Amino acid sequence: VTHGAPQLDSLDGEIAQVAFGGSHTAALTRDGRVFGVGDGADGQLGNGGRKPAESMTPVRALAHREVVQVACAASHTLALTQQ
Protein backbone atom coordinates (compact mmCIF):
# COMPACT_ATOMS: atom_id res chain seq x y z
CA VAL A 1 0.00 0.00 0.00
CA THR A 2 1.40 3.39 -0.98
CA HIS A 3 -1.06 5.55 0.90
CA GLY A 4 -2.48 5.88 4.36
CA ALA A 5 -3.50 8.14 7.18
CA PRO A 6 -0.34 10.30 7.30
CA GLN A 7 -1.12 11.85 3.89
CA LEU A 8 -4.56 12.84 5.13
CA ASP A 9 -3.12 14.92 7.98
CA SER A 10 -2.82 17.96 5.71
CA LEU A 11 -6.62 18.02 5.43
CA ASP A 12 -7.26 17.46 9.14
CA GLY A 13 -10.69 18.73 10.13
CA GLU A 14 -11.74 19.36 6.53
CA ILE A 15 -12.45 15.80 5.38
CA ALA A 16 -16.03 14.75 4.69
CA GLN A 17 -15.24 11.42 2.99
CA VAL A 18 -12.27 9.22 2.08
CA ALA A 19 -12.18 6.46 -0.55
CA PHE A 20 -9.39 3.92 -1.07
CA GLY A 21 -8.41 2.30 -4.36
CA GLY A 22 -5.84 -0.37 -5.08
CA SER A 23 -2.90 1.99 -4.55
CA HIS A 24 -4.42 5.46 -4.31
CA THR A 25 -6.71 7.49 -2.07
CA ALA A 26 -9.29 10.19 -2.81
CA ALA A 27 -10.51 12.65 -0.20
CA LEU A 28 -13.54 14.92 -0.36
CA THR A 29 -13.55 18.01 1.84
CA ARG A 30 -16.58 19.50 3.53
CA ASP A 31 -16.60 22.33 0.98
CA GLY A 32 -16.60 19.91 -2.01
CA ARG A 33 -12.93 19.92 -3.01
CA VAL A 34 -11.36 16.62 -4.14
CA PHE A 35 -7.76 15.57 -3.45
CA GLY A 36 -5.81 12.50 -4.50
CA VAL A 37 -2.64 10.74 -3.34
CA GLY A 38 -0.78 7.56 -4.25
CA ASP A 39 -0.19 5.80 -7.56
CA GLY A 40 -1.27 7.72 -10.65
CA ALA A 41 -0.06 5.33 -13.37
CA ASP A 42 -3.55 4.95 -14.84
CA GLY A 43 -4.57 8.59 -14.37
CA GLN A 44 -6.63 7.74 -11.29
CA LEU A 45 -5.51 10.86 -9.38
CA GLY A 46 -7.32 13.10 -11.86
CA ASN A 47 -4.45 15.56 -12.15
CA GLY A 48 -3.86 15.08 -15.86
CA GLY A 49 -0.71 13.04 -15.39
CA ARG A 50 0.37 9.50 -14.70
CA LYS A 51 2.90 10.08 -11.94
CA PRO A 52 2.43 9.24 -8.27
CA ALA A 53 1.67 11.89 -5.66
CA GLU A 54 3.19 11.59 -2.19
CA SER A 55 0.96 14.25 -0.66
CA MET A 56 -2.69 15.17 -1.10
CA THR A 57 -2.99 16.89 -4.48
CA PRO A 58 -6.07 18.87 -5.54
CA VAL A 59 -8.06 17.68 -8.55
CA ARG A 60 -8.15 21.04 -10.33
CA ALA A 61 -10.53 19.86 -13.08
CA LEU A 62 -13.25 19.62 -10.43
CA ALA A 63 -12.59 23.02 -8.85
CA HIS A 64 -15.78 24.55 -10.28
CA ARG A 65 -18.00 21.54 -9.60
CA GLU A 66 -20.03 20.77 -6.50
CA VAL A 67 -18.70 17.29 -5.67
CA VAL A 68 -20.84 15.38 -3.17
CA GLN A 69 -19.21 11.93 -3.12
CA VAL A 70 -16.04 10.12 -4.20
CA ALA A 71 -15.38 6.44 -4.83
CA CYS A 72 -12.28 4.47 -5.83
CA ALA A 73 -11.63 1.05 -7.32
CA ALA A 74 -8.42 -0.69 -8.33
CA SER A 75 -7.23 1.94 -10.80
CA HIS A 76 -9.89 4.60 -11.12
CA THR A 77 -11.67 7.30 -9.13
CA LEU A 78 -15.24 8.55 -9.47
CA ALA A 79 -16.49 11.95 -8.34
CA LEU A 80 -20.24 12.43 -8.13
CA THR A 81 -21.34 16.03 -8.61
CA GLN A 82 -24.53 17.76 -7.56
CA GLN A 83 -25.28 18.79 -11.17
C-alpha atoms as a PDB file:
ATOM      1  CA  VAL A   1       0.000   0.000   0.000  1.00  0.00           C
ATOM      2  CA  THR A   2       1.401   3.394  -0.983  1.00  0.00           C
ATOM      3  CA  HIS A   3      -1.064   5.548   0.901  1.00  0.00           C
ATOM      4  CA  GLY A   4      -2.478   5.876   4.360  1.00  0.00           C
ATOM      5  CA  ALA A   5      -3.502   8.140   7.180  1.00  0.00           C
ATOM      6  CA  PRO A   6      -0.338  10.297   7.297  1.00  0.00           C
ATOM      7  CA  GLN A   7      -1.117  11.852   3.892  1.00  0.00           C
ATOM      8  CA  LEU A   8      -4.561  12.842   5.132  1.00  0.00           C
ATOM      9  CA  ASP A   9      -3.121  14.918   7.979  1.00  0.00           C
ATOM     10  CA  SER A  10      -2.818  17.959   5.713  1.00  0.00           C
ATOM     11  CA  LEU A  11      -6.625  18.016   5.431  1.00  0.00           C
ATOM     12  CA  ASP A  12      -7.262  17.464   9.137  1.00  0.00           C
ATOM     13  CA  GLY A  13     -10.690  18.728  10.131  1.00  0.00           C
ATOM     14  CA  GLU A  14     -11.740  19.361   6.533  1.00  0.00           C
ATOM     15  CA  ILE A  15     -12.447  15.800   5.378  1.00  0.00           C
ATOM     16  CA  ALA A  16     -16.026  14.747   4.689  1.00  0.00           C
ATOM     17  CA  GLN A  17     -15.235  11.421   2.989  1.00  0.00           C
ATOM     18  CA  VAL A  18     -12.266   9.223   2.081  1.00  0.00           C
ATOM     19  CA  ALA A  19     -12.184   6.463  -0.550  1.00  0.00           C
ATOM     20  CA  PHE A  20      -9.395   3.922  -1.067  1.00  0.00           C
ATOM     21  CA  GLY A  21      -8.411   2.300  -4.357  1.00  0.00           C
ATOM     22  CA  GLY A  22      -5.836  -0.370  -5.082  1.00  0.00           C
ATOM     23  CA  SER A  23      -2.901   1.992  -4.549  1.00  0.00           C
ATOM     24  CA  HIS A  24      -4.417   5.457  -4.306  1.00  0.00           C
ATOM     25  CA  THR A  25      -6.707   7.489  -2.073  1.00  0.00           C
ATOM     26  CA  ALA A  26      -9.287  10.190  -2.811  1.00  0.00           C
ATOM     27  CA  ALA A  27     -10.510  12.651  -0.202  1.00  0.00           C
ATOM     28  CA  LEU A  28     -13.545  14.923  -0.364  1.00  0.00           C
ATOM     29  CA  THR A  29     -13.549  18.006   1.838  1.00  0.00           C
ATOM     30  CA  ARG A  30     -16.582  19.504   3.530  1.00  0.00           C
ATOM     31  CA  ASP A  31     -16.601  22.327   0.978  1.00  0.00           C
ATOM     32  CA  GLY A  32     -16.599  19.913  -2.006  1.00  0.00           C
ATOM     33  CA  ARG A  33     -12.926  19.923  -3.009  1.00  0.00           C
ATOM     34  CA  VAL A  34     -11.358  16.622  -4.137  1.00  0.00           C
ATOM     35  CA  PHE A  35      -7.761  15.571  -3.447  1.00  0.00           C
ATOM     36  CA  GLY A  36      -5.814  12.501  -4.499  1.00  0.00           C
ATOM     37  CA  VAL A  37      -2.641  10.743  -3.337  1.00  0.00           C
ATOM     38  CA  GLY A  38      -0.776   7.557  -4.250  1.00  0.00           C
ATOM     39  CA  ASP A  39      -0.187   5.803  -7.561  1.00  0.00           C
ATOM     40  CA  GLY A  40      -1.267   7.716 -10.654  1.00  0.00           C
ATOM     41  CA  ALA A  41      -0.057   5.329 -13.374  1.00  0.00           C
ATOM     42  CA  ASP A  42      -3.551   4.954 -14.835  1.00  0.00           C
ATOM     43  CA  GLY A  43      -4.572   8.594 -14.368  1.00  0.00           C
ATOM     44  CA  GLN A  44      -6.634   7.745 -11.291  1.00  0.00           C
ATOM     45  CA  LEU A  45      -5.514  10.856  -9.383  1.00  0.00           C
ATOM     46  CA  GLY A  46      -7.317  13.099 -11.862  1.00  0.00           C
ATOM     47  CA  ASN A  47      -4.447  15.561 -12.147  1.00  0.00           C
ATOM     48  CA  GLY A  48      -3.857  15.081 -15.863  1.00  0.00           C
ATOM     49  CA  GLY A  49      -0.706  13.042 -15.393  1.00  0.00           C
ATOM     50  CA  ARG A  50       0.368   9.503 -14.700  1.00  0.00           C
ATOM     51  CA  LYS A  51       2.898  10.081 -11.937  1.00  0.00           C
ATOM     52  CA  PRO A  52       2.429   9.237  -8.270  1.00  0.00           C
ATOM     53  CA  ALA A  53       1.671  11.894  -5.661  1.00  0.00           C
ATOM     54  CA  GLU A  54       3.188  11.593  -2.195  1.00  0.00           C
ATOM     55  CA  SER A  55       0.957  14.252  -0.662  1.00  0.00           C
ATOM     56  CA  MET A  56      -2.690  15.165  -1.097  1.00  0.00           C
ATOM     57  CA  THR A  57      -2.987  16.893  -4.483  1.00  0.00           C
ATOM     58  CA  PRO A  58      -6.074  18.870  -5.538  1.00  0.00           C
ATOM     59  CA  VAL A  59      -8.063  17.683  -8.550  1.00  0.00           C
ATOM     60  CA  ARG A  60      -8.150  21.041 -10.329  1.00  0.00           C
ATOM     61  CA  ALA A  61     -10.530  19.856 -13.083  1.00  0.00           C
ATOM     62  CA  LEU A  62     -13.255  19.616 -10.435  1.00  0.00           C
ATOM     63  CA  ALA A  63     -12.585  23.018  -8.852  1.00  0.00           C
ATOM     64  CA  HIS A  64     -15.779  24.550 -10.280  1.00  0.00           C
ATOM     65  CA  ARG A  65     -17.998  21.538  -9.599  1.00  0.00           C
ATOM     66  CA  GLU A  66     -20.026  20.771  -6.501  1.00  0.00           C
ATOM     67  CA  VAL A  67     -18.702  17.288  -5.672  1.00  0.00           C
ATOM     68  CA  VAL A  68     -20.845  15.382  -3.167  1.00  0.00           C
ATOM     69  CA  GLN A  69     -19.214  11.930  -3.124  1.00  0.00           C
ATOM     70  CA  VAL A  70     -16.039  10.120  -4.201  1.00  0.00           C
ATOM     71  CA  ALA A  71     -15.380   6.437  -4.834  1.00  0.00           C
ATOM     72  CA  CYS A  72     -12.283   4.475  -5.828  1.00  0.00           C
ATOM     73  CA  ALA A  73     -11.629   1.054  -7.321  1.00  0.00           C
ATOM     74  CA  ALA A  74      -8.418  -0.687  -8.327  1.00  0.00           C
ATOM     75  CA  SER A  75      -7.229   1.945 -10.797  1.00  0.00           C
ATOM     76  CA  HIS A  76      -9.891   4.602 -11.119  1.00  0.00           C
ATOM     77  CA  THR A  77     -11.667   7.297  -9.130  1.00  0.00           C
ATOM     78  CA  LEU A  78     -15.236   8.551  -9.473  1.00  0.00           C
ATOM     79  CA  ALA A  79     -16.487  11.952  -8.342  1.00  0.00           C
ATOM     80  CA  LEU A  80     -20.240  12.432  -8.127  1.00  0.00           C
ATOM     81  CA  THR A  81     -21.336  16.031  -8.613  1.00  0.00           C
ATOM     82  CA  GLN A  82     -24.534  17.757  -7.561  1.00  0.00           C
ATOM     83  CA  GLN A  83     -25.283  18.793 -11.173  1.00  0.00           C
END
